Amino acid sequence: MIGKESYRQVSYEVIPEYAGDYIFIDQGDLISEVWGESEGLWKSLDAVKNDRVFKLDPELFWGNDPISLELQIKEVVKMLTEKQS
């Protein structure tokens, strides 16, 4: 994000324009509830179809201080490395 925005809300219909090759999500166990009637769109995303969605542990990914961020980076590297194996 550029500027002062810390997030941007987008409609489900444009998610494919933003979704990358990998998706990290903090509400992974609630996909059905979060996506509701748009769950089919979620399942059509390349990252979802190719099993490249990672569920983030909210306890670890809550903080944004330097120590937390370092631990989060290490966890993301671990997730990606294990997926490659």
PDB file of N, CA and C in Angstrom:
ATOM      1  N   MET A   1       0.851  -1.178   0.000  1.00  0.00           N
ATOM      2  CA  MET A   1       0.000   0.000   0.000  1.00  0.00           C
ATOM      3  C   MET A   1       0.897   1.242   0.000  1.00  0.00           C
ATOM      4  N   ILE A   2       0.467   2.180  -0.762  1.00  0.00           N
ATOM      5  CA  ILE A   2       1.227   3.422  -0.864  1.00  0.00           C
ATOM      6  C   ILE A   2       0.404   4.528  -0.224  1.00  0.00           C
ATOM      7  N   GLY A   3       1.054   5.400   0.492  1.00  0.00           N
ATOM      8  CA  GLY A   3       0.351   6.500   1.116  1.00  0.00           C
ATOM      9  C   GLY A   3      -0.015   6.188   2.552  1.00  0.00           C
ATOM     10  N   LYS A   4      -1.089   6.779   3.001  1.00  0.00           N
ATOM     11  CA  LYS A   4      -1.473   6.664   4.401  1.00  0.00           C
ATOM     12  C   LYS A   4      -2.440   5.523   4.674  1.00  0.00           C
ATOM     13  N   GLU A   5      -2.891   4.842   3.651  1.00  0.00           N
ATOM     14  CA  GLU A   5      -3.827   3.736   3.848  1.00  0.00           C
ATOM     15  C   GLU A   5      -3.115   2.554   4.487  1.00  0.00           C
ATOM     16  N   SER A   6      -3.740   1.959   5.475  1.00  0.00           N
ATOM     17  CA  SER A   6      -3.163   0.746   6.064  1.00  0.00           C
ATOM     18  C   SER A   6      -3.833  -0.492   5.478  1.00  0.00           C
ATOM     19  N   TYR A   7      -4.972  -0.299   4.844  1.00  0.00           N
ATOM     20  CA  TYR A   7      -5.661  -1.389   4.156  1.00  0.00           C
ATOM     21  C   TYR A   7      -6.620  -0.781   3.145  1.00  0.00           C
ATOM     22  N   ARG A   8      -7.098  -1.621   2.256  1.00  0.00           N
ATOM     23  CA  ARG A   8      -8.084  -1.186   1.288  1.00  0.00           C
ATOM     24  C   ARG A   8      -9.128  -2.279   1.158  1.00  0.00           C
ATOM     25  N   GLN A   9     -10.365  -1.924   1.261  1.00  0.00           N
ATOM     26  CA  GLN A   9     -11.442  -2.887   1.104  1.00  0.00           C
ATOM     27  C   GLN A   9     -11.800  -2.989  -0.372  1.00  0.00           C
ATOM     28  N   VAL A  10     -11.841  -4.222  -0.868  1.00  0.00           N
ATOM     29  CA  VAL A  10     -12.209  -4.456  -2.261  1.00  0.00           C
ATOM     30  C   VAL A  10     -13.337  -5.473  -2.299  1.00  0.00           C
ATOM     31  N   SER A  11     -14.114  -5.433  -3.354  1.00  0.00           N
ATOM     32  CA  SER A  11     -15.214  -6.389  -3.469  1.00  0.00           C
ATOM     33  C   SER A  11     -14.663  -7.747  -3.889  1.00  0.00           C
ATOM     34  N   TYR A  12     -15.404  -8.786  -3.585  1.00  0.00           N
ATOM     35  CA  TYR A  12     -14.980 -10.147  -3.911  1.00  0.00           C
ATOM     36  C   TYR A  12     -14.732 -10.323  -5.406  1.00  0.00           C
ATOM     37  N   GLU A  13     -15.496  -9.637  -6.230  1.00  0.00           N
ATOM     38  CA  GLU A  13     -15.397  -9.817  -7.672  1.00  0.00           C
ATOM     39  C   GLU A  13     -14.026  -9.436  -8.230  1.00  0.00           C
ATOM     40  N   VAL A  14     -13.308  -8.511  -7.567  1.00  0.00           N
ATOM     41  CA  VAL A  14     -12.010  -8.078  -8.079  1.00  0.00           C
ATOM     42  C   VAL A  14     -10.835  -8.762  -7.386  1.00  0.00           C
ATOM     43  N   ILE A  15     -11.104  -9.648  -6.451  1.00  0.00           N
ATOM     44  CA  ILE A  15     -10.030 -10.357  -5.755  1.00  0.00           C
ATOM     45  C   ILE A  15      -9.076 -11.043  -6.740  1.00  0.00           C
ATOM     46  N   PRO A  16      -9.547 -11.686  -7.810  1.00  0.00           N
ATOM     47  CA  PRO A  16      -8.602 -12.311  -8.742  1.00  0.00           C
ATOM     48  C   PRO A  16      -7.568 -11.335  -9.315  1.00  0.00           C
ATOM     49  N   GLU A  17      -7.901 -10.055  -9.388  1.00  0.00           N
ATOM     50  CA  GLU A  17      -6.956  -9.054  -9.877  1.00  0.00           C
ATOM     51  C   GLU A  17      -5.843  -8.781  -8.863  1.00  0.00           C
ATOM     52  N   TYR A  18      -6.107  -9.048  -7.591  1.00  0.00           N
ATOM     53  CA  TYR A  18      -5.152  -8.778  -6.525  1.00  0.00           C
ATOM     54  C   TYR A  18      -4.451 -10.033  -6.016  1.00  0.00           C
ATOM     55  N   ALA A  19      -5.072 -11.173  -6.156  1.00  0.00           N
ATOM     56  CA  ALA A  19      -4.538 -12.412  -5.590  1.00  0.00           C
ATOM     57  C   ALA A  19      -3.236 -12.793  -6.283  1.00  0.00           C
ATOM     58  N   GLY A  20      -2.261 -13.165  -5.471  1.00  0.00           N
ATOM     59  CA  GLY A  20      -0.967 -13.563  -6.003  1.00  0.00           C
ATOM     60  C   GLY A  20      -0.845 -15.073  -6.135  1.00  0.00           C
ATOM     61  N   ASP A  21       0.368 -15.508  -6.397  1.00  0.00           N
ATOM     62  CA  ASP A  21       0.639 -16.939  -6.530  1.00  0.00           C
ATOM     63  C   ASP A  21       0.510 -17.651  -5.192  1.00  0.00           C
ATOM     64  N   TYR A  22       0.716 -16.915  -4.109  1.00  0.00           N
ATOM     65  CA  TYR A  22       0.601 -17.447  -2.752  1.00  0.00           C
ATOM     66  C   TYR A  22      -0.311 -16.520  -1.971  1.00  0.00           C
ATOM     67  N   ILE A  23      -1.118 -17.086  -1.090  1.00  0.00           N
ATOM     68  CA  ILE A  23      -2.017 -16.296  -0.258  1.00  0.00           C
ATOM     69  C   ILE A  23      -1.771 -16.672   1.192  1.00  0.00           C
ATOM     70  N   PHE A  24      -1.599 -15.661   2.021  1.00  0.00           N
ATOM     71  CA  PHE A  24      -1.464 -15.844   3.458  1.00  0.00           C
ATOM     72  C   PHE A  24      -2.717 -15.242   4.086  1.00  0.00           C
ATOM     73  N   ILE A  25      -3.397 -16.040   4.880  1.00  0.00           N
ATOM     74  CA  ILE A  25      -4.689 -15.609   5.405  1.00  0.00           C
ATOM     75  C   ILE A  25      -4.758 -15.881   6.903  1.00  0.00           C
ATOM     76  N   ASP A  26      -5.339 -14.943   7.622  1.00  0.00           N
ATOM     77  CA  ASP A  26      -5.400 -15.109   9.070  1.00  0.00           C
ATOM     78  C   ASP A  26      -6.730 -15.668   9.561  1.00  0.00           C
ATOM     79  N   GLN A  27      -7.650 -15.903   8.667  1.00  0.00           N
ATOM     80  CA  GLN A  27      -8.926 -16.488   9.065  1.00  0.00           C
ATOM     81  C   GLN A  27      -9.194 -17.743   8.254  1.00  0.00           C
ATOM     82  N   GLY A  28      -8.158 -18.545   8.091  1.00  0.00           N
ATOM     83  CA  GLY A  28      -8.231 -19.720   7.247  1.00  0.00           C
ATOM     84  C   GLY A  28      -9.304 -20.714   7.625  1.00  0.00           C
ATOM     85  N   ASP A  29      -9.592 -20.841   8.918  1.00  0.00           N
ATOM     86  CA  ASP A  29     -10.611 -21.790   9.352  1.00  0.00           C
ATOM     87  C   ASP A  29     -12.022 -21.262   9.131  1.00  0.00           C
ATOM     88  N   LEU A  30     -12.125 -20.005   8.750  1.00  0.00           N
ATOM     89  CA  LEU A  30     -13.441 -19.381   8.575  1.00  0.00           C
ATOM     90  C   LEU A  30     -13.731 -19.033   7.116  1.00  0.00           C
ATOM     91  N   ILE A  31     -13.058 -19.697   6.182  1.00  0.00           N
ATOM     92  CA  ILE A  31     -13.221 -19.357   4.765  1.00  0.00           C
ATOM     93  C   ILE A  31     -14.693 -19.343   4.363  1.00  0.00           C
ATOM     94  N   SER A  32     -15.431 -20.370   4.716  1.00  0.00           N
ATOM     95  CA  SER A  32     -16.845 -20.431   4.330  1.00  0.00           C
ATOM     96  C   SER A  32     -17.628 -19.260   4.887  1.00  0.00           C
ATOM     97  N   GLU A  33     -17.366 -18.924   6.146  1.00  0.00           N
ATOM     98  CA  GLU A  33     -18.098 -17.816   6.769  1.00  0.00           C
ATOM     99  C   GLU A  33     -17.682 -16.471   6.191  1.00  0.00           C
ATOM    100  N   VAL A  34     -16.383 -16.288   5.964  1.00  0.00           N
ATOM    101  CA  VAL A  34     -15.886 -15.013   5.452  1.00  0.00           C
ATOM    102  C   VAL A  34     -16.350 -14.783   4.021  1.00  0.00           C
ATOM    103  N   TRP A  35     -16.269 -15.823   3.198  1.00  0.00           N
ATOM    104  CA  TRP A  35     -16.599 -15.675   1.781  1.00  0.00           C
ATOM    105  C   TRP A  35     -18.073 -15.873   1.492  1.00  0.00           C
ATOM    106  N   GLY A  36     -18.781 -16.580   2.343  1.00  0.00           N
ATOM    107  CA  GLY A  36     -20.216 -16.766   2.159  1.00  0.00           C
ATOM    108  C   GLY A  36     -20.579 -17.251   0.770  1.00  0.00           C
ATOM    109  N   GLU A  37     -21.466 -16.530   0.106  1.00  0.00           N
ATOM    110  CA  GLU A  37     -21.939 -16.919  -1.230  1.00  0.00           C
ATOM    111  C   GLU A  37     -20.844 -16.823  -2.281  1.00  0.00           C
ATOM    112  N   SER A  38     -19.737 -16.143  -1.966  1.00  0.00           N
ATOM    113  CA  SER A  38     -18.648 -15.992  -2.939  1.00  0.00           C
ATOM    114  C   SER A  38     -17.571 -17.069  -2.763  1.00  0.00           C
ATOM    115  N   GLU A  39     -17.876 -18.123  -2.022  1.00  0.00           N
ATOM    116  CA  GLU A  39     -16.878 -19.166  -1.775  1.00  0.00           C
ATOM    117  C   GLU A  39     -16.412 -19.812  -3.086  1.00  0.00           C
ATOM    118  N   GLY A  40     -17.277 -19.900  -4.077  1.00  0.00           N
ATOM    119  CA  GLY A  40     -16.888 -20.444  -5.376  1.00  0.00           C
ATOM    120  C   GLY A  40     -15.788 -19.618  -6.028  1.00  0.00           C
ATOM    121  N   LEU A  41     -15.855 -18.304  -5.870  1.00  0.00           N
ATOM    122  CA  LEU A  41     -14.820 -17.415  -6.390  1.00  0.00           C
ATOM    123  C   LEU A  41     -13.496 -17.699  -5.682  1.00  0.00           C
ATOM    124  N   TRP A  42     -13.544 -17.880  -4.368  1.00  0.00           N
ATOM    125  CA  TRP A  42     -12.344 -18.219  -3.596  1.00  0.00           C
ATOM    126  C   TRP A  42     -11.708 -19.497  -4.151  1.00  0.00           C
ATOM    127  N   LYS A  43     -12.521 -20.501  -4.373  1.00  0.00           N
ATOM    128  CA  LYS A  43     -12.010 -21.791  -4.851  1.00  0.00           C
ATOM    129  C   LYS A  43     -11.465 -21.711  -6.273  1.00  0.00           C
ATOM    130  N   SER A  44     -11.812 -20.652  -7.010  1.00  0.00           N
ATOM    131  CA  SER A  44     -11.332 -20.515  -8.384  1.00  0.00           C
ATOM    132  C   SER A  44      -9.966 -19.831  -8.469  1.00  0.00           C
ATOM    133  N   LEU A  45      -9.465 -19.282  -7.376  1.00  0.00           N
ATOM    134  CA  LEU A  45      -8.176 -18.593  -7.389  1.00  0.00           C
ATOM    135  C   LEU A  45      -7.042 -19.592  -7.600  1.00  0.00           C
ATOM    136  N   ASP A  46      -6.064 -19.223  -8.405  1.00  0.00           N
ATOM    137  CA  ASP A  46      -4.943 -20.114  -8.702  1.00  0.00           C
ATOM    138  C   ASP A  46      -4.228 -20.594  -7.445  1.00  0.00           C
ATOM    139  N   ALA A  47      -3.982 -19.700  -6.500  1.00  0.00           N
ATOM    140  CA  ALA A  47      -3.284 -20.093  -5.274  1.00  0.00           C
ATOM    141  C   ALA A  47      -4.074 -21.151  -4.515  1.00  0.00           C
ATOM    142  N   VAL A  48      -5.385 -21.038  -4.514  1.00  0.00           N
ATOM    143  CA  VAL A  48      -6.234 -22.019  -3.820  1.00  0.00           C
ATOM    144  C   VAL A  48      -6.209 -23.342  -4.581  1.00  0.00           C
ATOM    145  N   LYS A  49      -6.376 -23.282  -5.893  1.00  0.00           N
ATOM    146  CA  LYS A  49      -6.386 -24.509  -6.703  1.00  0.00           C
ATOM    147  C   LYS A  49      -5.051 -25.249  -6.636  1.00  0.00           C
ATOM    148  N   ASN A  50      -3.957 -24.508  -6.444  1.00  0.00           N
ATOM    149  CA  ASN A  50      -2.630 -25.111  -6.430  1.00  0.00           C
ATOM    150  C   ASN A  50      -2.079 -25.315  -5.014  1.00  0.00           C
ATOM    151  N   ASP A  51      -2.962 -25.269  -4.021  1.00  0.00           N
ATOM    152  CA  ASP A  51      -2.589 -25.520  -2.620  1.00  0.00           C
ATOM    153  C   ASP A  51      -1.443 -24.613  -2.162  1.00  0.00           C
ATOM    154  N   ARG A  52      -1.584 -23.319  -2.441  1.00  0.00           N
ATOM    155  CA  ARG A  52      -0.576 -22.350  -2.024  1.00  0.00           C
ATOM    156  C   ARG A  52      -1.203 -21.275  -1.140  1.00  0.00           C
ATOM    157  N   VAL A  53      -2.075 -21.735  -0.226  1.00  0.00           N
ATOM    158  CA  VAL A  53      -2.702 -20.856   0.757  1.00  0.00           C
ATOM    159  C   VAL A  53      -2.160 -21.248   2.120  1.00  0.00           C
ATOM    160  N   PHE A  54      -1.719 -20.267   2.862  1.00  0.00           N
ATOM    161  CA  PHE A  54      -1.127 -20.511   4.172  1.00  0.00           C
ATOM    162  C   PHE A  54      -1.976 -19.838   5.245  1.00  0.00           C
ATOM    163  N   LYS A  55      -2.318 -20.599   6.261  1.00  0.00           N
ATOM    164  CA  LYS A  55      -3.083 -20.070   7.385  1.00  0.00           C
ATOM    165  C   LYS A  55      -2.113 -19.546   8.427  1.00  0.00           C
ATOM    166  N   LEU A  56      -2.264 -18.285   8.773  1.00  0.00           N
ATOM    167  CA  LEU A  56      -1.381 -17.647   9.737  1.00  0.00           C
ATOM    168  C   LEU A  56      -1.891 -17.836  11.159  1.00  0.00           C
ATOM    169  N   ASP A  57      -0.979 -18.106  12.053  1.00  0.00           N
ATOM    170  CA  ASP A  57      -1.299 -18.235  13.472  1.00  0.00           C
ATOM    171  C   ASP A  57      -1.525 -16.828  14.031  1.00  0.00           C
ATOM    172  N   PRO A  58      -2.737 -16.522  14.466  1.00  0.00           N
ATOM    173  CA  PRO A  58      -3.016 -15.159  14.936  1.00  0.00           C
ATOM    174  C   PRO A  58      -2.172 -14.752  16.142  1.00  0.00           C
ATOM    175  N   GLU A  59      -1.771 -15.717  16.953  1.00  0.00           N
ATOM    176  CA  GLU A  59      -0.927 -15.396  18.112  1.00  0.00           C
ATOM    177  C   GLU A  59       0.435 -14.872  17.656  1.00  0.00           C
ATOM    178  N   LEU A  60       1.001 -15.477  16.622  1.00  0.00           N
ATOM    179  CA  LEU A  60       2.318 -15.082  16.131  1.00  0.00           C
ATOM    180  C   LEU A  60       2.252 -13.838  15.248  1.00  0.00           C
ATOM    181  N   PHE A  61       1.200 -13.705  14.472  1.00  0.00           N
ATOM    182  CA  PHE A  61       1.135 -12.628  13.485  1.00  0.00           C
ATOM    183  C   PHE A  61       0.356 -11.407  13.968  1.00  0.00           C
ATOM    184  N   TRP A  62       0.122 -11.303  15.255  1.00  0.00           N
ATOM    185  CA  TRP A  62      -0.611 -10.165  15.806  1.00  0.00           C
ATOM    186  C   TRP A  62       0.293  -8.938  15.934  1.00  0.00           C
ATOM    187  N   GLY A  63       1.486  -9.117  16.473  1.00  0.00           N
ATOM    188  CA  GLY A  63       2.371  -7.991  16.749  1.00  0.00           C
ATOM    189  C   GLY A  63       3.024  -7.423  15.510  1.00  0.00           C
ATOM    190  N   ASN A  64       3.488  -6.176  15.615  1.00  0.00           N
ATOM    191  CA  ASN A  64       4.209  -5.569  14.494  1.00  0.00           C
ATOM    192  C   ASN A  64       5.466  -4.840  14.967  1.00  0.00           C
ATOM    193  N   ASP A  65       5.988  -5.270  16.102  1.00  0.00           N
ATOM    194  CA  ASP A  65       7.242  -4.735  16.601  1.00  0.00           C
ATOM    195  C   ASP A  65       8.402  -5.486  15.930  1.00  0.00           C
ATOM    196  N   PRO A  66       9.627  -4.989  16.022  1.00  0.00           N
ATOM    197  CA  PRO A  66      10.751  -5.630  15.323  1.00  0.00           C
ATOM    198  C   PRO A  66      10.961  -7.105  15.671  1.00  0.00           C
ATOM    199  N   ILE A  67      10.808  -7.476  16.908  1.00  0.00           N
ATOM    200  CA  ILE A  67      11.009  -8.876  17.300  1.00  0.00           C
ATOM    201  C   ILE A  67       9.909  -9.754  16.701  1.00  0.00           C
ATOM    202  N   SER A  68       8.668  -9.295  16.778  1.00  0.00           N
ATOM    203  CA  SER A  68       7.546 -10.054  16.191  1.00  0.00           C
ATOM    204  C   SER A  68       7.719 -10.198  14.686  1.00  0.00           C
ATOM    205  N   LEU A  69       8.104  -9.110  14.028  1.00  0.00           N
ATOM    206  CA  LEU A  69       8.277  -9.144  12.574  1.00  0.00           C
ATOM    207  C   LEU A  69       9.379 -10.117  12.168  1.00  0.00           C
ATOM    208  N   GLU A  70      10.454 -10.170  12.930  1.00  0.00           N
ATOM    209  CA  GLU A  70      11.521 -11.122  12.619  1.00  0.00           C
ATOM    210  C   GLU A  70      11.015 -12.561  12.746  1.00  0.00           C
ATOM    211  N   LEU A  71      10.261 -12.836  13.794  1.00  0.00           N
ATOM    212  CA  LEU A  71       9.692 -14.173  13.972  1.00  0.00           C
ATOM    213  C   LEU A  71       8.693 -14.501  12.861  1.00  0.00           C
ATOM    214  N   GLN A  72       7.920 -13.515  12.450  1.00  0.00           N
ATOM    215  CA  GLN A  72       6.950 -13.724  11.374  1.00  0.00           C
ATOM    216  C   GLN A  72       7.653 -14.037  10.054  1.00  0.00           C
ATOM    217  N   ILE A  73       8.730 -13.321   9.771  1.00  0.00           N
ATOM    218  CA  ILE A  73       9.485 -13.586   8.546  1.00  0.00           C
ATOM    219  C   ILE A  73      10.027 -15.011   8.562  1.00  0.00           C
ATOM    220  N   LYS A  74      10.580 -15.418   9.692  1.00  0.00           N
ATOM    221  CA  LYS A  74      11.115 -16.774   9.806  1.00  0.00           C
ATOM    222  C   LYS A  74      10.016 -17.814   9.589  1.00  0.00           C
ATOM    223  N   GLU A  75       8.827 -17.545  10.110  1.00  0.00           N
ATOM    224  CA  GLU A  75       7.706 -18.480   9.954  1.00  0.00           C
ATOM    225  C   GLU A  75       7.249 -18.558   8.496  1.00  0.00           C
ATOM    226  N   VAL A  76       7.193 -17.427   7.826  1.00  0.00           N
ATOM    227  CA  VAL A  76       6.801 -17.416   6.408  1.00  0.00           C
ATOM    228  C   VAL A  76       7.834 -18.180   5.572  1.00  0.00           C
ATOM    229  N   VAL A  77       9.116 -17.965   5.846  1.00  0.00           N
ATOM    230  CA  VAL A  77      10.167 -18.699   5.128  1.00  0.00           C
ATOM    231  C   VAL A  77      10.006 -20.196   5.378  1.00  0.00           C
ATOM    232  N   LYS A  78       9.728 -20.570   6.615  1.00  0.00           N
ATOM    233  CA  LYS A  78       9.522 -21.987   6.959  1.00  0.00           C
ATOM    234  C   LYS A  78       8.329 -22.557   6.192  1.00  0.00           C
ATOM    235  N   MET A  79       7.230 -21.824   6.151  1.00  0.00           N
ATOM    236  CA  MET A  79       6.038 -22.289   5.434  1.00  0.00           C
ATOM    237  C   MET A  79       6.336 -22.522   3.958  1.00  0.00           C
ATOM    238  N   LEU A  80       7.007 -21.552   3.341  1.00  0.00           N
ATOM    239  CA  LEU A  80       7.306 -21.659   1.911  1.00  0.00           C
ATOM    240  C   LEU A  80       8.304 -22.783   1.638  1.00  0.00           C
ATOM    241  N   THR A  81       9.287 -22.924   2.493  1.00  0.00           N
ATOM    242  CA  THR A  81      10.292 -23.965   2.318  1.00  0.00           C
ATOM    243  C   THR A  81       9.669 -25.353   2.454  1.00  0.00           C
ATOM    244  N   GLU A  82       8.807 -25.529   3.445  1.00  0.00           N
ATOM    245  CA  GLU A  82       8.161 -26.816   3.642  1.00  0.00           C
ATOM    246  C   GLU A  82       7.234 -27.144   2.472  1.00  0.00           C
ATOM    247  N   LYS A  83       6.612 -26.143   1.890  1.00  0.00           N
ATOM    248  CA  LYS A  83       5.716 -26.364   0.748  1.00  0.00           C
ATOM    249  C   LYS A  83       6.501 -26.831  -0.467  1.00  0.00           C
ATOM    250  N   GLN A  84       7.744 -26.372  -0.602  1.00  0.00           N
ATOM    251  CA  GLN A  84       8.590 -26.756  -1.726  1.00  0.00           C
ATOM    252  C   GLN A  84       9.058 -28.209  -1.617  1.00  0.00           C
ATOM    253  N   SER A  85       9.134 -28.716  -0.399  1.00  0.00           N
ATOM    254  CA  SER A  85       9.641 -30.086  -0.190  1.00  0.00           C
ATOM    255  C   SER A  85       8.677 -31.140  -0.645  1.00  0.00           C
TER     256      SER A  85
END
